[in-house]
């Protein structure tokens, strides 16, 4: 059994600490049934990045699925772009997308909304409104043949 990872909110602060002993699952690299609670921050691997925490839920068979949690993060000044389509589902809070193309208006996604981000679209995404006290959590799924790492979703 490989350990799953899930965050624990520190009392009275927004800081997260991750532990490897709260939930166990079968080895996520092997075929089988695995259940992760995205809102509790469960994943087979969690990385804290400058622009949010990234949990890898699945990465095999040509596809990767991650969740990203944003709370108190700076807005990335750089643009994110992918060589493949990217599917992004907001599950908590709101996520604002700015697009580099002046012909593409900014969009704010709410829980339950999915953005189908075409290959080559240049954007950045961040928690909205910026002063929101609740974290924004979204799930992204994409082909693993892409040239960028999953951490790009934290941008």
C-alpha atoms as a PDB file:
ATOM      1  CA  UNK A   1       0.000   0.000   0.000  1.00  0.00           C
ATOM      2  CA  UNK A   2       1.425   3.384  -0.998  1.00  0.00           C
ATOM      3  CA  UNK A   3       0.443   6.309   1.206  1.00  0.00           C
ATOM      4  CA  UNK A   4      -1.882   8.983  -0.121  1.00  0.00           C
ATOM      5  CA  UNK A   5      -1.161  12.538   0.848  1.00  0.00           C
ATOM      6  CA  UNK A   6      -3.598  15.055   2.248  1.00  0.00           C
ATOM      7  CA  UNK A   7      -3.207  18.542   3.748  1.00  0.00           C
ATOM      8  CA  UNK A   8      -4.093  19.540   7.271  1.00  0.00           C
ATOM      9  CA  UNK A   9      -5.031  23.141   7.945  1.00  0.00           C
ATOM     10  CA  UNK A  10      -2.869  24.638  10.663  1.00  0.00           C
ATOM     11  CA  UNK A  11      -5.015  26.081  13.439  1.00  0.00           C
ATOM     12  CA  UNK A  12      -5.529  29.805  12.955  1.00  0.00           C
ATOM     13  CA  UNK A  13      -3.442  30.055   9.778  1.00  0.00           C
ATOM     14  CA  UNK A  14      -3.633  29.406   6.057  1.00  0.00           C
ATOM     15  CA  UNK A  15      -0.471  27.319   6.038  1.00  0.00           C
ATOM     16  CA  UNK A  16      -0.733  23.678   5.028  1.00  0.00           C
ATOM     17  CA  UNK A  17       1.294  20.749   6.201  1.00  0.00           C
ATOM     18  CA  UNK A  18       1.194  17.459   4.336  1.00  0.00           C
ATOM     19  CA  UNK A  19       1.366  14.052   5.876  1.00  0.00           C
ATOM     20  CA  UNK A  20       1.861  10.601   4.402  1.00  0.00           C
ATOM     21  CA  UNK A  21       0.024   8.569   7.026  1.00  0.00           C
ATOM     22  CA  UNK A  22      -3.636   9.626   7.049  1.00  0.00           C
ATOM     23  CA  UNK A  23      -4.992   7.681   4.070  1.00  0.00           C
ATOM     24  CA  UNK A  24      -3.624   4.592   2.363  1.00  0.00           C
ATOM     25  CA  UNK A  25      -4.368   3.366  -1.139  1.00  0.00           C
ATOM     26  CA  UNK A  26      -3.089   0.694  -3.469  1.00  0.00           C
ATOM     27  CA  UNK A  27      -0.057   1.542  -5.586  1.00  0.00           C
ATOM     28  CA  UNK A  28      -1.397   4.263  -7.978  1.00  0.00           C
ATOM     29  CA  UNK A  29       1.074   3.135 -10.650  1.00  0.00           C
ATOM     30  CA  UNK A  30      -0.723  -0.184 -11.057  1.00  0.00           C
ATOM     31  CA  UNK A  31      -4.175  -0.731 -12.558  1.00  0.00           C
ATOM     32  CA  UNK A  32      -6.939  -0.777 -10.011  1.00  0.00           C
ATOM     33  CA  UNK A  33      -9.576   1.262  -8.253  1.00  0.00           C
ATOM     34  CA  UNK A  34      -8.399   4.373  -6.389  1.00  0.00           C
ATOM     35  CA  UNK A  35     -10.546   6.999  -4.692  1.00  0.00           C
ATOM     36  CA  UNK A  36      -9.204  10.428  -3.747  1.00  0.00           C
ATOM     37  CA  UNK A  37     -11.104  13.276  -2.109  1.00  0.00           C
ATOM     38  CA  UNK A  38      -9.888  16.361  -3.968  1.00  0.00           C
ATOM     39  CA  UNK A  39     -11.438  18.795  -1.474  1.00  0.00           C
ATOM     40  CA  UNK A  40      -9.502  17.144   1.359  1.00  0.00           C
ATOM     41  CA  UNK A  41      -6.318  17.375  -0.706  1.00  0.00           C
ATOM     42  CA  UNK A  42      -5.824  13.648  -1.190  1.00  0.00           C
ATOM     43  CA  UNK A  43      -3.427  12.569  -3.940  1.00  0.00           C
ATOM     44  CA  UNK A  44      -0.691  10.063  -4.650  1.00  0.00           C
ATOM     45  CA  UNK A  45       1.804  12.964  -4.591  1.00  0.00           C
ATOM     46  CA  UNK A  46       1.511  16.604  -3.460  1.00  0.00           C
ATOM     47  CA  UNK A  47       3.911  19.417  -4.311  1.00  0.00           C
ATOM     48  CA  UNK A  48       3.807  22.931  -2.875  1.00  0.00           C
ATOM     49  CA  UNK A  49       4.600  25.405  -5.632  1.00  0.00           C
ATOM     50  CA  UNK A  50       4.862  29.205  -5.618  1.00  0.00           C
ATOM     51  CA  UNK A  51       1.494  29.547  -7.378  1.00  0.00           C
ATOM     52  CA  UNK A  52      -0.416  26.828  -5.502  1.00  0.00           C
ATOM     53  CA  UNK A  53      -0.329  23.256  -4.220  1.00  0.00           C
ATOM     54  CA  UNK A  54      -0.514  20.513  -6.868  1.00  0.00           C
ATOM     55  CA  UNK A  55      -1.729  16.976  -6.133  1.00  0.00           C
ATOM     56  CA  UNK A  56      -1.218  14.247  -8.711  1.00  0.00           C
ATOM     57  CA  UNK A  57      -4.276  12.002  -8.758  1.00  0.00           C
ATOM     58  CA  UNK A  58      -3.341   9.912 -11.803  1.00  0.00           C
ATOM     59  CA  UNK A  59      -0.420   9.795 -14.217  1.00  0.00           C
ATOM     60  CA  UNK A  60      -0.266   6.795 -16.578  1.00  0.00           C
ATOM     61  CA  UNK A  61      -1.616   5.395 -19.820  1.00  0.00           C
ATOM     62  CA  UNK A  62      -1.111   8.708 -21.669  1.00  0.00           C
ATOM     63  CA  UNK A  63      -3.113  10.955 -19.347  1.00  0.00           C
ATOM     64  CA  UNK A  64      -2.460  12.926 -16.189  1.00  0.00           C
ATOM     65  CA  UNK A  65      -4.974  14.363 -13.731  1.00  0.00           C
ATOM     66  CA  UNK A  66      -4.020  16.799 -11.005  1.00  0.00           C
ATOM     67  CA  UNK A  67      -5.821  19.059  -8.563  1.00  0.00           C
ATOM     68  CA  UNK A  68      -4.549  22.529  -7.778  1.00  0.00           C
ATOM     69  CA  UNK A  69      -5.313  24.459  -4.599  1.00  0.00           C
ATOM     70  CA  UNK A  70      -4.782  28.224  -4.598  1.00  0.00           C
ATOM     71  CA  UNK A  71      -4.961  30.364  -1.459  1.00  0.00           C
ATOM     72  CA  UNK A  72      -2.838  33.431  -0.793  1.00  0.00           C
ATOM     73  CA  UNK A  73      -0.633  32.754  -3.825  1.00  0.00           C
ATOM     74  CA  UNK A  74       0.812  35.509  -6.015  1.00  0.00           C
ATOM     75  CA  UNK A  75      -0.473  35.899  -9.574  1.00  0.00           C
ATOM     76  CA  UNK A  76       1.998  34.461 -12.083  1.00  0.00           C
ATOM     77  CA  UNK A  77       3.170  37.230 -14.441  1.00  0.00           C
ATOM     78  CA  UNK A  78       4.051  34.660 -17.130  1.00  0.00           C
ATOM     79  CA  UNK A  79       1.628  33.000 -19.547  1.00  0.00           C
ATOM     80  CA  UNK A  80       0.779  29.274 -19.397  1.00  0.00           C
ATOM     81  CA  UNK A  81       0.478  27.369 -22.663  1.00  0.00           C
ATOM     82  CA  UNK A  82       0.114  23.708 -23.605  1.00  0.00           C
ATOM     83  CA  UNK A  83       0.794  21.730 -26.768  1.00  0.00           C
ATOM     84  CA  UNK A  84      -2.373  19.672 -26.131  1.00  0.00           C
ATOM     85  CA  UNK A  85      -5.933  20.368 -25.030  1.00  0.00           C
ATOM     86  CA  UNK A  86      -6.353  20.886 -21.270  1.00  0.00           C
ATOM     87  CA  UNK A  87      -9.610  20.218 -19.366  1.00  0.00           C
ATOM     88  CA  UNK A  88     -10.057  22.294 -16.205  1.00  0.00           C
ATOM     89  CA  UNK A  89     -12.940  21.737 -13.739  1.00  0.00           C
ATOM     90  CA  UNK A  90     -13.452  24.129 -10.813  1.00  0.00           C
ATOM     91  CA  UNK A  91     -14.647  22.300  -7.687  1.00  0.00           C
ATOM     92  CA  UNK A  92     -14.367  25.049  -5.035  1.00  0.00           C
ATOM     93  CA  UNK A  93     -14.144  28.839  -5.117  1.00  0.00           C
ATOM     94  CA  UNK A  94     -13.714  30.768  -8.341  1.00  0.00           C
ATOM     95  CA  UNK A  95     -10.879  30.762 -10.860  1.00  0.00           C
ATOM     96  CA  UNK A  96     -10.171  33.742 -13.102  1.00  0.00           C
ATOM     97  CA  UNK A  97      -8.525  33.190 -16.473  1.00  0.00           C
ATOM     98  CA  UNK A  98      -6.752  35.999 -18.299  1.00  0.00           C
ATOM     99  CA  UNK A  99      -5.831  35.360 -21.927  1.00  0.00           C
ATOM    100  CA  UNK A 100      -2.901  36.892 -23.778  1.00  0.00           C
ATOM    101  CA  UNK A 101      -4.985  37.290 -26.947  1.00  0.00           C
ATOM    102  CA  UNK A 102      -6.899  40.598 -26.870  1.00  0.00           C
ATOM    103  CA  UNK A 103      -9.723  38.870 -28.768  1.00  0.00           C
ATOM    104  CA  UNK A 104     -10.324  36.429 -25.911  1.00  0.00           C
ATOM    105  CA  UNK A 105     -12.130  38.023 -22.927  1.00  0.00           C
ATOM    106  CA  UNK A 106     -11.199  37.139 -19.345  1.00  0.00           C
ATOM    107  CA  UNK A 107     -13.367  34.418 -17.818  1.00  0.00           C
ATOM    108  CA  UNK A 108     -14.302  33.613 -14.216  1.00  0.00           C
ATOM    109  CA  UNK A 109     -15.230  29.969 -13.596  1.00  0.00           C
ATOM    110  CA  UNK A 110     -17.355  28.813 -10.655  1.00  0.00           C
ATOM    111  CA  UNK A 111     -17.742  25.342  -9.109  1.00  0.00           C
ATOM    112  CA  UNK A 112     -19.015  22.816 -11.632  1.00  0.00           C
ATOM    113  CA  UNK A 113     -17.797  24.760 -14.674  1.00  0.00           C
ATOM    114  CA  UNK A 114     -15.285  23.212 -17.082  1.00  0.00           C
ATOM    115  CA  UNK A 115     -12.920  25.129 -19.339  1.00  0.00           C
ATOM    116  CA  UNK A 116     -11.760  23.309 -22.458  1.00  0.00           C
ATOM    117  CA  UNK A 117      -8.443  25.080 -23.049  1.00  0.00           C
ATOM    118  CA  UNK A 118      -7.335  24.595 -26.664  1.00  0.00           C
ATOM    119  CA  UNK A 119      -3.747  23.690 -27.471  1.00  0.00           C
ATOM    120  CA  UNK A 120      -1.597  26.811 -27.787  1.00  0.00           C
ATOM    121  CA  UNK A 121      -3.957  29.139 -25.890  1.00  0.00           C
ATOM    122  CA  UNK A 122      -1.837  31.375 -23.653  1.00  0.00           C
ATOM    123  CA  UNK A 123      -3.390  32.243 -20.293  1.00  0.00           C
ATOM    124  CA  UNK A 124      -2.866  32.566 -16.567  1.00  0.00           C
ATOM    125  CA  UNK A 125      -5.302  31.561 -13.836  1.00  0.00           C
ATOM    126  CA  UNK A 126      -5.691  32.628 -10.231  1.00  0.00           C
ATOM    127  CA  UNK A 127      -8.096  32.589  -7.261  1.00  0.00           C
ATOM    128  CA  UNK A 128     -10.926  35.087  -7.633  1.00  0.00           C
ATOM    129  CA  UNK A 129     -11.707  37.391  -6.032  1.00  0.00           C
ATOM    130  CA  UNK A 130      -8.156  37.876  -4.812  1.00  0.00           C
ATOM    131  CA  UNK A 131      -9.314  38.662  -1.262  1.00  0.00           C
ATOM    132  CA  UNK A 132     -11.450  35.500  -1.033  1.00  0.00           C
ATOM    133  CA  UNK A 133     -10.893  33.663   2.248  1.00  0.00           C
ATOM    134  CA  UNK A 134     -11.754  30.279   0.740  1.00  0.00           C
ATOM    135  CA  UNK A 135      -9.221  28.402  -1.361  1.00  0.00           C
ATOM    136  CA  UNK A 136      -9.925  27.827  -5.029  1.00  0.00           C
ATOM    137  CA  UNK A 137      -9.562  24.179  -6.013  1.00  0.00           C
ATOM    138  CA  UNK A 138      -9.643  22.905  -9.571  1.00  0.00           C
ATOM    139  CA  UNK A 139      -8.912  19.659 -11.370  1.00  0.00           C
ATOM    140  CA  UNK A 140      -6.963  19.535 -14.637  1.00  0.00           C
ATOM    141  CA  UNK A 141      -6.679  16.575 -17.007  1.00  0.00           C
ATOM    142  CA  UNK A 142      -4.439  16.441 -20.076  1.00  0.00           C
ATOM    143  CA  UNK A 143      -2.409  14.072 -22.265  1.00  0.00           C
ATOM    144  CA  UNK A 144       1.033  13.295 -20.831  1.00  0.00           C
ATOM    145  CA  UNK A 145       2.727  13.790 -24.195  1.00  0.00           C
ATOM    146  CA  UNK A 146       2.914  17.502 -23.369  1.00  0.00           C
ATOM    147  CA  UNK A 147       6.246  19.257 -23.127  1.00  0.00           C
ATOM    148  CA  UNK A 148       5.555  20.959 -19.805  1.00  0.00           C
ATOM    149  CA  UNK A 149       5.281  19.469 -16.301  1.00  0.00           C
ATOM    150  CA  UNK A 150       2.031  19.311 -14.326  1.00  0.00           C
ATOM    151  CA  UNK A 151       3.393  22.050 -12.082  1.00  0.00           C
ATOM    152  CA  UNK A 152       2.481  24.493 -14.858  1.00  0.00           C
ATOM    153  CA  UNK A 153      -1.109  24.227 -13.645  1.00  0.00           C
ATOM    154  CA  UNK A 154      -0.192  26.038 -10.482  1.00  0.00           C
ATOM    155  CA  UNK A 155       0.399  29.197 -12.533  1.00  0.00           C
END
